[in-house]
PDB file of N, CA and C in Angstrom:
ATOM      1  N   MET A   1     133.997  54.992 108.144  1.00  0.00           N
ATOM      2  CA  MET A   1     132.979  55.404 107.223  1.00  0.00           C
ATOM      3  C   MET A   1     131.736  55.791 108.034  1.00  0.00           C
ATOM      4  N   PHE A   2     131.028  56.841 107.576  1.00  0.00           N
ATOM      5  CA  PHE A   2     129.790  57.226 108.235  1.00  0.00           C
ATOM      6  C   PHE A   2     128.711  57.470 107.179  1.00  0.00           C
ATOM      7  N   GLU A   3     127.477  57.434 107.636  1.00  0.00           N
ATOM      8  CA  GLU A   3     126.335  57.557 106.736  1.00  0.00           C
ATOM      9  C   GLU A   3     125.699  58.934 106.910  1.00  0.00           C
ATOM     10  N   ILE A   4     125.423  59.595 105.800  1.00  0.00           N
ATOM     11  CA  ILE A   4     124.753  60.894 105.832  1.00  0.00           C
ATOM     12  C   ILE A   4     123.338  60.692 105.300  1.00  0.00           C
ATOM     13  N   LYS A   5     122.374  61.095 106.116  1.00  0.00           N
ATOM     14  CA  LYS A   5     120.982  60.961 105.713  1.00  0.00           C
ATOM     15  C   LYS A   5     120.418  62.340 105.360  1.00  0.00           C
ATOM     16  N   GLY A   6     119.442  62.344 104.498  1.00  0.00           N
ATOM     17  CA  GLY A   6     118.762  63.593 104.172  1.00  0.00           C
ATOM     18  C   GLY A   6     119.214  64.238 102.877  1.00  0.00           C
ATOM     19  N   LEU A   7     120.248  63.693 102.240  1.00  0.00           N
ATOM     20  CA  LEU A   7     120.713  64.312 101.003  1.00  0.00           C
ATOM     21  C   LEU A   7     119.684  64.188  99.887  1.00  0.00           C
ATOM     22  N   ASP A   8     118.938  63.108  99.846  1.00  0.00           N
ATOM     23  CA  ASP A   8     117.906  62.955  98.824  1.00  0.00           C
ATOM     24  C   ASP A   8     116.866  64.063  98.952  1.00  0.00           C
ATOM     25  N   LYS A   9     116.453  64.323 100.174  1.00  0.00           N
ATOM     26  CA  LYS A   9     115.466  65.374 100.411  1.00  0.00           C
ATOM     27  C   LYS A   9     116.059  66.733 100.031  1.00  0.00           C
ATOM     28  N   ALA A  10     117.280  66.977 100.404  1.00  0.00           N
ATOM     29  CA  ALA A  10     117.931  68.241 100.072  1.00  0.00           C
ATOM     30  C   ALA A  10     118.048  68.414  98.559  1.00  0.00           C
ATOM     31  N   MET A  11     118.360  67.347  97.850  1.00  0.00           N
ATOM     32  CA  MET A  11     118.472  67.410  96.392  1.00  0.00           C
ATOM     33  C   MET A  11     117.118  67.710  95.752  1.00  0.00           C
ATOM     34  N   ARG A  12     116.053  67.103  96.266  1.00  0.00           N
ATOM     35  CA  ARG A  12     114.707  67.375  95.738  1.00  0.00           C
ATOM     36  C   ARG A  12     114.326  68.837  95.973  1.00  0.00           C
ATOM     37  N   MET A  13     114.676  69.338  97.128  1.00  0.00           N
ATOM     38  CA  MET A  13     114.389  70.739  97.432  1.00  0.00           C
ATOM     39  C   MET A  13     115.166  71.664  96.500  1.00  0.00           C
ATOM     40  N   LEU A  14     116.418  71.347  96.272  1.00  0.00           N
ATOM     41  CA  LEU A  14     117.232  72.164  95.359  1.00  0.00           C
ATOM     42  C   LEU A  14     116.704  72.103  93.931  1.00  0.00           C
ATOM     43  N   GLU A  15     116.264  70.925  93.510  1.00  0.00           N
ATOM     44  CA  GLU A  15     115.689  70.799  92.166  1.00  0.00           C
ATOM     45  C   GLU A  15     114.415  71.617  92.044  1.00  0.00           C
ATOM     46  N   ARG A  16     113.580  71.597  93.074  1.00  0.00           N
ATOM     47  CA  ARG A  16     112.342  72.387  93.067  1.00  0.00           C
ATOM     48  C   ARG A  16     112.658  73.874  93.036  1.00  0.00           C
ATOM     49  N   LEU A  17     113.641  74.280  93.815  1.00  0.00           N
ATOM     50  CA  LEU A  17     114.074  75.672  93.840  1.00  0.00           C
ATOM     51  C   LEU A  17     114.580  76.098  92.463  1.00  0.00           C
ATOM     52  N   GLN A  18     115.348  75.239  91.817  1.00  0.00           N
ATOM     53  CA  GLN A  18     115.866  75.522  90.482  1.00  0.00           C
ATOM     54  C   GLN A  18     114.710  75.648  89.481  1.00  0.00           C
ATOM     55  N   HIS A  19     113.731  74.751  89.570  1.00  0.00           N
ATOM     56  CA  HIS A  19     112.559  74.809  88.701  1.00  0.00           C
ATOM     57  C   HIS A  19     111.796  76.121  88.911  1.00  0.00           C
ATOM     58  N   ASN A  20     111.569  76.474  90.166  1.00  0.00           N
ATOM     59  CA  ASN A  20     110.854  77.717  90.481  1.00  0.00           C
ATOM     60  C   ASN A  20     111.599  78.933  89.958  1.00  0.00           C
ATOM     61  N   ALA A  21     112.912  78.938  90.106  1.00  0.00           N
ATOM     62  CA  ALA A  21     113.714  80.057  89.606  1.00  0.00           C
ATOM     63  C   ALA A  21     113.589  80.163  88.090  1.00  0.00           C
ATOM     64  N   ALA A  22     113.588  79.037  87.413  1.00  0.00           N
ATOM     65  CA  ALA A  22     113.462  79.042  85.947  1.00  0.00           C
ATOM     66  C   ALA A  22     112.110  79.608  85.519  1.00  0.00           C
ATOM     67  N   THR A  23     111.051  79.305  86.278  1.00  0.00           N
ATOM     68  CA  THR A  23     109.728  79.816  85.898  1.00  0.00           C
ATOM     69  C   THR A  23     109.614  81.318  86.146  1.00  0.00           C
ATOM     70  N   LEU A  24     110.455  81.848  87.009  1.00  0.00           N
ATOM     71  CA  LEU A  24     110.432  83.285  87.290  1.00  0.00           C
ATOM     72  C   LEU A  24     111.282  84.091  86.318  1.00  0.00           C
ATOM     73  N   ASP A  25     112.075  83.414  85.516  1.00  0.00           N
ATOM     74  CA  ASP A  25     112.949  84.110  84.575  1.00  0.00           C
ATOM     75  C   ASP A  25     112.115  84.898  83.567  1.00  0.00           C
ATOM     76  N   GLY A  26     112.594  86.051  83.187  1.00  0.00           N
ATOM     77  CA  GLY A  26     111.907  86.850  82.179  1.00  0.00           C
ATOM     78  C   GLY A  26     110.970  87.873  82.803  1.00  0.00           C
ATOM     79  N   THR A  27     110.086  88.397  81.983  1.00  0.00           N
ATOM     80  CA  THR A  27     109.133  89.419  82.404  1.00  0.00           C
ATOM     81  C   THR A  27     107.774  88.780  82.640  1.00  0.00           C
ATOM     82  N   HIS A  28     107.114  89.206  83.697  1.00  0.00           N
ATOM     83  CA  HIS A  28     105.801  88.659  84.045  1.00  0.00           C
ATOM     84  C   HIS A  28     104.813  89.794  84.286  1.00  0.00           C
ATOM     85  N   ARG A  29     103.592  89.590  83.884  1.00  0.00           N
ATOM     86  CA  ARG A  29     102.498  90.516  84.197  1.00  0.00           C
ATOM     87  C   ARG A  29     101.672  89.848  85.297  1.00  0.00           C
ATOM     88  N   VAL A  30     101.746  90.409  86.469  1.00  0.00           N
ATOM     89  CA  VAL A  30     101.078  89.814  87.627  1.00  0.00           C
ATOM     90  C   VAL A  30      99.978  90.771  88.092  1.00  0.00           C
ATOM     91  N   PRO A  31      98.763  90.278  88.272  1.00  0.00           N
ATOM     92  CA  PRO A  31      97.677  91.141  88.751  1.00  0.00           C
ATOM     93  C   PRO A  31      98.028  91.785  90.096  1.00  0.00           C
ATOM     94  N   MET A  32      97.601  93.021  90.272  1.00  0.00           N
ATOM     95  CA  MET A  32      97.923  93.758  91.498  1.00  0.00           C
ATOM     96  C   MET A  32      97.425  93.038  92.741  1.00  0.00           C
ATOM     97  N   ASN A  33      96.267  92.390  92.645  1.00  0.00           N
ATOM     98  CA  ASN A  33      95.741  91.716  93.837  1.00  0.00           C
ATOM     99  C   ASN A  33      96.562  90.482  94.208  1.00  0.00           C
ATOM    100  N   LYS A  34      97.410  90.012  93.310  1.00  0.00           N
ATOM    101  CA  LYS A  34      98.328  88.899  93.618  1.00  0.00           C
ATOM    102  C   LYS A  34      99.596  89.447  94.280  1.00  0.00           C
ATOM    103  N   VAL A  35     100.153  90.503  93.706  1.00  0.00           N
ATOM    104  CA  VAL A  35     101.376  91.092  94.273  1.00  0.00           C
ATOM    105  C   VAL A  35     101.060  91.733  95.620  1.00  0.00           C
ATOM    106  N   PHE A  36      99.967  92.482  95.662  1.00  0.00           N
ATOM    107  CA  PHE A  36      99.545  93.127  96.909  1.00  0.00           C
ATOM    108  C   PHE A  36      98.470  92.237  97.552  1.00  0.00           C
ATOM    109  N   SER A  37      98.906  91.092  98.011  1.00  0.00           N
ATOM    110  CA  SER A  37      97.989  90.095  98.576  1.00  0.00           C
ATOM    111  C   SER A  37      97.309  90.635  99.831  1.00  0.00           C
ATOM    112  N   PRO A  38      96.192  90.026 100.220  1.00  0.00           N
ATOM    113  CA  PRO A  38      95.555  90.442 101.472  1.00  0.00           C
ATOM    114  C   PRO A  38      96.513  90.385 102.674  1.00  0.00           C
ATOM    115  N   ALA A  39      97.345  89.363 102.729  1.00  0.00           N
ATOM    116  CA  ALA A  39      98.303  89.261 103.842  1.00  0.00           C
ATOM    117  C   ALA A  39      99.279  90.440 103.813  1.00  0.00           C
ATOM    118  N   PHE A  40      99.765  90.782 102.634  1.00  0.00           N
ATOM    119  CA  PHE A  40     100.683  91.924 102.499  1.00  0.00           C
ATOM    120  C   PHE A  40      99.986  93.216 102.934  1.00  0.00           C
ATOM    121  N   MET A  41      98.769  93.409 102.462  1.00  0.00           N
ATOM    122  CA  MET A  41      98.047  94.645 102.778  1.00  0.00           C
ATOM    123  C   MET A  41      97.735  94.741 104.272  1.00  0.00           C
ATOM    124  N   ARG A  42      97.359  93.625 104.893  1.00  0.00           N
ATOM    125  CA  ARG A  42      97.080  93.653 106.338  1.00  0.00           C
ATOM    126  C   ARG A  42      98.352  93.952 107.133  1.00  0.00           C
ATOM    127  N   ALA A  43      99.484  93.448 106.653  1.00  0.00           N
ATOM    128  CA  ALA A  43     100.750  93.650 107.372  1.00  0.00           C
ATOM    129  C   ALA A  43     101.282  95.069 107.234  1.00  0.00           C
ATOM    130  N   HIS A  44     100.955  95.730 106.125  1.00  0.00           N
ATOM    131  CA  HIS A  44     101.589  97.022 105.836  1.00  0.00           C
ATOM    132  C   HIS A  44     100.631  98.200 105.716  1.00  0.00           C
ATOM    133  N   SER A  45      99.343  97.960 105.949  1.00  0.00           N
ATOM    134  CA  SER A  45      98.380  99.056 105.842  1.00  0.00           C
ATOM    135  C   SER A  45      97.198  98.785 106.763  1.00  0.00           C
ATOM    136  N   ARG A  46      96.249  99.674 106.719  1.00  0.00           N
ATOM    137  CA  ARG A  46      95.024  99.473 107.511  1.00  0.00           C
ATOM    138  C   ARG A  46      93.924  98.857 106.661  1.00  0.00           C
ATOM    139  N   PHE A  47      94.275  98.393 105.476  1.00  0.00           N
ATOM    140  CA  PHE A  47      93.302  97.851 104.531  1.00  0.00           C
ATOM    141  C   PHE A  47      93.425  96.333 104.419  1.00  0.00           C
ATOM    142  N   PRO A  48      92.288  95.643 104.206  1.00  0.00           N
ATOM    143  CA  PRO A  48      92.328  94.190 104.059  1.00  0.00           C
ATOM    144  C   PRO A  48      92.736  93.734 102.652  1.00  0.00           C
ATOM    145  N   SER A  49      92.723  94.666 101.706  1.00  0.00           N
ATOM    146  CA  SER A  49      93.081  94.319 100.328  1.00  0.00           C
ATOM    147  C   SER A  49      93.513  95.577  99.583  1.00  0.00           C
ATOM    148  N   PHE A  50      94.165  95.372  98.435  1.00  0.00           N
ATOM    149  CA  PHE A  50      94.558  96.512  97.615  1.00  0.00           C
ATOM    150  C   PHE A  50      93.316  97.214  97.079  1.00  0.00           C
ATOM    151  N   GLN A  51      92.301  96.438  96.716  1.00  0.00           N
ATOM    152  CA  GLN A  51      91.050  97.032  96.224  1.00  0.00           C
ATOM    153  C   GLN A  51      90.411  97.916  97.288  1.00  0.00           C
ATOM    154  N   ALA A  52      90.439  97.469  98.533  1.00  0.00           N
ATOM    155  CA  ALA A  52      89.886  98.282  99.625  1.00  0.00           C
ATOM    156  C   ALA A  52      90.658  99.589  99.769  1.00  0.00           C
ATOM    157  N   MET A  53      91.968  99.536  99.577  1.00  0.00           N
ATOM    158  CA  MET A  53      92.786 100.755  99.629  1.00  0.00           C
ATOM    159  C   MET A  53      92.377 101.713  98.510  1.00  0.00           C
ATOM    160  N   LEU A  54      92.187 101.167  97.317  1.00  0.00           N
ATOM    161  CA  LEU A  54      91.744 101.998  96.194  1.00  0.00           C
ATOM    162  C   LEU A  54      90.358 102.570  96.461  1.00  0.00           C
ATOM    163  N   ASP A  55      89.455 101.739  96.941  1.00  0.00           N
ATOM    164  CA  ASP A  55      88.072 102.172  97.192  1.00  0.00           C
ATOM    165  C   ASP A  55      87.994 103.272  98.245  1.00  0.00           C
ATOM    166  N   ALA A  56      88.902 103.265  99.199  1.00  0.00           N
ATOM    167  CA  ALA A  56      88.903 104.274 100.260  1.00  0.00           C
ATOM    168  C   ALA A  56      89.638 105.541  99.849  1.00  0.00           C
ATOM    169  N   SER A  57      90.303 105.506  98.726  1.00  0.00           N
ATOM    170  CA  SER A  57      91.115 106.647  98.289  1.00  0.00           C
ATOM    171  C   SER A  57      90.253 107.722  97.639  1.00  0.00           C
ATOM    172  N   PRO A  58      90.790 108.916  97.548  1.00  0.00           N
ATOM    173  CA  PRO A  58      90.062 109.971  96.821  1.00  0.00           C
ATOM    174  C   PRO A  58      90.113 109.756  95.306  1.00  0.00           C
ATOM    175  N   PHE A  59      90.761 108.690  94.875  1.00  0.00           N
ATOM    176  CA  PHE A  59      90.937 108.414  93.447  1.00  0.00           C
ATOM    177  C   PHE A  59      90.081 107.245  92.967  1.00  0.00           C
ATOM    178  N   LYS A  60      89.098 106.840  93.757  1.00  0.00           N
ATOM    179  CA  LYS A  60      88.334 105.629  93.437  1.00  0.00           C
ATOM    180  C   LYS A  60      87.623 105.691  92.086  1.00  0.00           C
ATOM    181  N   ASP A  61      87.361 106.889  91.586  1.00  0.00           N
ATOM    182  CA  ASP A  61      86.676 107.023  90.306  1.00  0.00           C
ATOM    183  C   ASP A  61      87.632 107.353  89.165  1.00  0.00           C
ATOM    184  N   VAL A  62      88.930 107.195  89.422  1.00  0.00           N
ATOM    185  CA  VAL A  62      89.955 107.505  88.427  1.00  0.00           C
ATOM    186  C   VAL A  62      90.665 106.214  88.043  1.00  0.00           C
ATOM    187  N   GLU A  63      90.945 106.039  86.748  1.00  0.00           N
ATOM    188  CA  GLU A  63      91.740 104.882  86.336  1.00  0.00           C
ATOM    189  C   GLU A  63      93.068 104.942  87.071  1.00  0.00           C
ATOM    190  N   PHE A  64      93.494 103.794  87.593  1.00  0.00           N
ATOM    191  CA  PHE A  64      94.703 103.769  88.424  1.00  0.00           C
ATOM    192  C   PHE A  64      95.894 104.415  87.720  1.00  0.00           C
ATOM    193  N   GLU A  65      96.071 104.115  86.448  1.00  0.00           N
ATOM    194  CA  GLU A  65      97.213 104.639  85.690  1.00  0.00           C
ATOM    195  C   GLU A  65      97.176 106.160  85.556  1.00  0.00           C
ATOM    196  N   LYS A  66      96.014 106.762  85.765  1.00  0.00           N
ATOM    197  CA  LYS A  66      95.870 108.216  85.607  1.00  0.00           C
ATOM    198  C   LYS A  66      95.984 108.982  86.923  1.00  0.00           C
ATOM    199  N   ILE A  67      96.177 108.263  88.012  1.00  0.00           N
ATOM    200  CA  ILE A  67      96.354 108.938  89.304  1.00  0.00           C
ATOM    201  C   ILE A  67      97.720 109.619  89.293  1.00  0.00           C
ATOM    202  N   PRO A  68      97.781 110.905  89.625  1.00  0.00           N
ATOM    203  CA  PRO A  68      99.077 111.598  89.655  1.00  0.00           C
ATOM    204  C   PRO A  68     100.027 110.947  90.658  1.00  0.00           C
ATOM    205  N   ASP A  69     101.244 110.680  90.219  1.00  0.00           N
ATOM    206  CA  ASP A  69     102.234 109.990  91.062  1.00  0.00           C
ATOM    207  C   ASP A  69     102.440 110.672  92.410  1.00  0.00           C
ATOM    208  N   ALA A  70     102.591 111.977  92.401  1.00  0.00           N
ATOM    209  CA  ALA A  70     102.866 112.698  93.648  1.00  0.00           C
ATOM    210  C   ALA A  70     101.701 112.552  94.629  1.00  0.00           C
ATOM    211  N   GLU A  71     100.474 112.597  94.114  1.00  0.00           N
ATOM    212  CA  GLU A  71      99.306 112.467  94.987  1.00  0.00           C
ATOM    213  C   GLU A  71      99.160 111.037  95.513  1.00  0.00           C
ATOM    214  N   TRP A  72      99.462 110.050  94.672  1.00  0.00           N
ATOM    215  CA  TRP A  72      99.394 108.657  95.124  1.00  0.00           C
ATOM    216  C   TRP A  72     100.477 108.384  96.163  1.00  0.00           C
ATOM    217  N   ASP A  73     101.660 108.961  95.986  1.00  0.00           N
ATOM    218  CA  ASP A  73     102.734 108.823  96.976  1.00  0.00           C
ATOM    219  C   ASP A  73     102.276 109.329  98.346  1.00  0.00           C
ATOM    220  N   ILE A  74     101.595 110.467  98.360  1.00  0.00           N
ATOM    221  CA  ILE A  74     101.105 111.029  99.622  1.00  0.00           C
ATOM    222  C   ILE A  74     100.087 110.074 100.254  1.00  0.00           C
ATOM    223  N   TYR A  75      99.198 109.539  99.445  1.00  0.00           N
ATOM    224  CA  TYR A  75      98.190 108.606  99.947  1.00  0.00           C
ATOM    225  C   TYR A  75      98.857 107.350 100.519  1.00  0.00           C
ATOM    226  N   VAL A  76      99.838 106.822  99.799  1.00  0.00           N
ATOM    227  CA  VAL A  76     100.573 105.633 100.265  1.00  0.00           C
ATOM    228  C   VAL A  76     101.293 105.946 101.566  1.00  0.00           C
ATOM    229  N   ARG A  77     101.985 107.073 101.618  1.00  0.00           N
ATOM    230  CA  ARG A  77     102.740 107.458 102.814  1.00  0.00           C
ATOM    231  C   ARG A  77     101.811 107.620 104.024  1.00  0.00           C
ATOM    232  N   THR A  78     100.612 108.129 103.789  1.00  0.00           N
ATOM    233  CA  THR A  78      99.659 108.385 104.864  1.00  0.00           C
ATOM    234  C   THR A  78      98.955 107.114 105.349  1.00  0.00           C
ATOM    235  N   ASN A  79      98.777 106.141 104.458  1.00  0.00           N
ATOM    236  CA  ASN A  79      97.932 104.987 104.776  1.00  0.00           C
ATOM    237  C   ASN A  79      98.640 103.640 104.828  1.00  0.00           C
ATOM    238  N   THR A  80      99.954 103.652 104.652  1.00  0.00           N
ATOM    239  CA  THR A  80     100.722 102.406 104.726  1.00  0.00           C
ATOM    240  C   THR A  80     101.988 102.643 105.524  1.00  0.00           C
ATOM    241  N   SER A  81     102.774 101.600 105.663  1.00  0.00           N
ATOM    242  CA  SER A  81     104.055 101.728 106.366  1.00  0.00           C
ATOM    243  C   SER A  81     105.177 102.149 105.419  1.00  0.00           C
ATOM    244  N   PHE A  82     104.840 102.525 104.198  1.00  0.00           N
ATOM    245  CA  PHE A  82     105.849 102.866 103.190  1.00  0.00           C
ATOM    246  C   PHE A  82     105.958 104.367 102.978  1.00  0.00           C
ATOM    247  N   SER A  83     107.142 104.792 102.597  1.00  0.00           N
ATOM    248  CA  SER A  83     107.392 106.217 102.360  1.00  0.00           C
ATOM    249  C   SER A  83     106.992 106.642 100.952  1.00  0.00           C
ATOM    250  N   SER A  84     106.759 105.667 100.066  1.00  0.00           N
ATOM    251  CA  SER A  84     106.395 105.989  98.689  1.00  0.00           C
ATOM    252  C   SER A  84     105.759 104.781  98.011  1.00  0.00           C
ATOM    253  N   TRP A  85     105.126 105.034  96.880  1.00  0.00           N
ATOM    254  CA  TRP A  85     104.550 103.974  96.068  1.00  0.00           C
ATOM    255  C   TRP A  85     105.644 103.054  95.557  1.00  0.00           C
ATOM    256  N   GLU A  86     106.764 103.625  95.176  1.00  0.00           N
ATOM    257  CA  GLU A  86     107.888 102.823  94.685  1.00  0.00           C
ATOM    258  C   GLU A  86     108.378 101.850  95.754  1.00  0.00           C
ATOM    259  N   ALA A  87     108.494 102.327  96.991  1.00  0.00           N
ATOM    260  CA  ALA A  87     108.930 101.457  98.095  1.00  0.00           C
ATOM    261  C   ALA A  87     107.912 100.342  98.340  1.00  0.00           C
ATOM    262  N   MET A  88     106.632 100.675  98.242  1.00  0.00           N
ATOM    263  CA  MET A  88     105.588  99.672  98.441  1.00  0.00           C
ATOM    264  C   MET A  88     105.636  98.615  97.340  1.00  0.00           C
ATOM    265  N   LYS A  89     105.773  99.056  96.091  1.00  0.00           N
ATOM    266  CA  LYS A  89     105.869  98.114  94.971  1.00  0.00           C
ATOM    267  C   LYS A  89     107.091  97.220  95.106  1.00  0.00           C
ATOM    268  N   ASP A  90     108.227  97.803  95.479  1.00  0.00           N
ATOM    269  CA  ASP A  90     109.459  97.021  95.627  1.00  0.00           C
ATOM    270  C   ASP A  90     109.303  95.923  96.672  1.00  0.00           C
ATOM    271  N   LYS A  91     108.755  96.276  97.820  1.00  0.00           N
ATOM    272  CA  LYS A  91     108.578  95.302  98.907  1.00  0.00           C
ATOM    273  C   LYS A  91     107.586  94.210  98.503  1.00  0.00           C
ATOM    274  N   ALA A  92     106.465  94.600  97.907  1.00  0.00           N
ATOM    275  CA  ALA A  92     105.460  93.619  97.487  1.00  0.00           C
ATOM    276  C   ALA A  92     106.021  92.693  96.422  1.00  0.00           C
ATOM    277  N   SER A  93     106.751  93.243  95.476  1.00  0.00           N
ATOM    278  CA  SER A  93     107.345  92.426  94.411  1.00  0.00           C
ATOM    279  C   SER A  93     108.350  91.436  94.977  1.00  0.00           C
ATOM    280  N   THR A  94     109.173  91.902  95.881  1.00  0.00           N
ATOM    281  CA  THR A  94     110.166  91.027  96.513  1.00  0.00           C
ATOM    282  C   THR A  94     109.492  89.894  97.267  1.00  0.00           C
ATOM    283  N   GLU A  95     108.448  90.212  98.025  1.00  0.00           N
ATOM    284  CA  GLU A  95     107.737  89.173  98.773  1.00  0.00           C
ATOM    285  C   GLU A  95     107.048  88.185  97.835  1.00  0.00           C
ATOM    286  N   TRP A  96     106.481  88.689  96.724  1.00  0.00           N
ATOM    287  CA  TRP A  96     105.825  87.802  95.758  1.00  0.00           C
ATOM    288  C   TRP A  96     106.847  86.863  95.125  1.00  0.00           C
ATOM    289  N   ILE A  97     107.994  87.407  94.731  1.00  0.00           N
ATOM    290  CA  ILE A  97     109.062  86.593  94.122  1.00  0.00           C
ATOM    291  C   ILE A  97     109.561  85.552  95.118  1.00  0.00           C
ATOM    292  N   ASP A  98     109.798  85.967  96.352  1.00  0.00           N
ATOM    293  CA  ASP A  98     110.261  85.030  97.384  1.00  0.00           C
ATOM    294  C   ASP A  98     109.270  83.883  97.567  1.00  0.00           C
ATOM    295  N   ALA A  99     107.978  84.221  97.618  1.00  0.00           N
ATOM    296  CA  ALA A  99     106.950  83.179  97.802  1.00  0.00           C
ATOM    297  C   ALA A  99     106.926  82.234  96.614  1.00  0.00           C
ATOM    298  N   LYS A 100     107.012  82.769  95.405  1.00  0.00           N
ATOM    299  CA  LYS A 100     107.015  81.919  94.206  1.00  0.00           C
ATOM    300  C   LYS A 100     108.269  81.038  94.153  1.00  0.00           C
ATOM    301  N   LEU A 101     109.381  81.606  94.552  1.00  0.00           N
ATOM    302  CA  LEU A 101     110.634  80.862  94.544  1.00  0.00           C
ATOM    303  C   LEU A 101     110.591  79.686  95.523  1.00  0.00           C
ATOM    304  N   MET A 102     109.958  79.864  96.654  1.00  0.00           N
ATOM    305  CA  MET A 102     109.932  78.839  97.693  1.00  0.00           C
ATOM    306  C   MET A 102     108.719  77.911  97.600  1.00  0.00           C
ATOM    307  N   GLU A 103     107.856  78.135  96.610  1.00  0.00           N
ATOM    308  CA  GLU A 103     106.653  77.305  96.443  1.00  0.00           C
ATOM    309  C   GLU A 103     107.017  75.825  96.315  1.00  0.00           C
ATOM    310  N   GLY A 104     106.480  75.031  97.204  1.00  0.00           N
ATOM    311  CA  GLY A 104     106.714  73.588  97.150  1.00  0.00           C
ATOM    312  C   GLY A 104     108.067  73.129  97.664  1.00  0.00           C
ATOM    313  N   VAL A 105     108.843  74.048  98.203  1.00  0.00           N
ATOM    314  CA  VAL A 105     110.172  73.683  98.723  1.00  0.00           C
ATOM    315  C   VAL A 105     110.058  73.314 100.175  1.00  0.00           C
TER     316      VAL A 105
END
């Protein structure tokens, strides 16, 4: 017979992971400054924040939703490591979900 240590800790981690996954279920409205965190923006652009990226853009006086997609794609491609706005959103969303999933684990 042998003794296995650490299973209690592993079970607590799995329970926390399960809880976090349950809280992520469904649709969520997450502020852009949360999804595009300062760390994300510093890693993938020359800007310290998403707001700074907007402020430096030629669209700073335009409601974000009214910026033409093709023009925003060009701005994203020119000022970030992404080829498109869609690619940037996908990566940021994935990183946000991963961080939320692992919170407290």
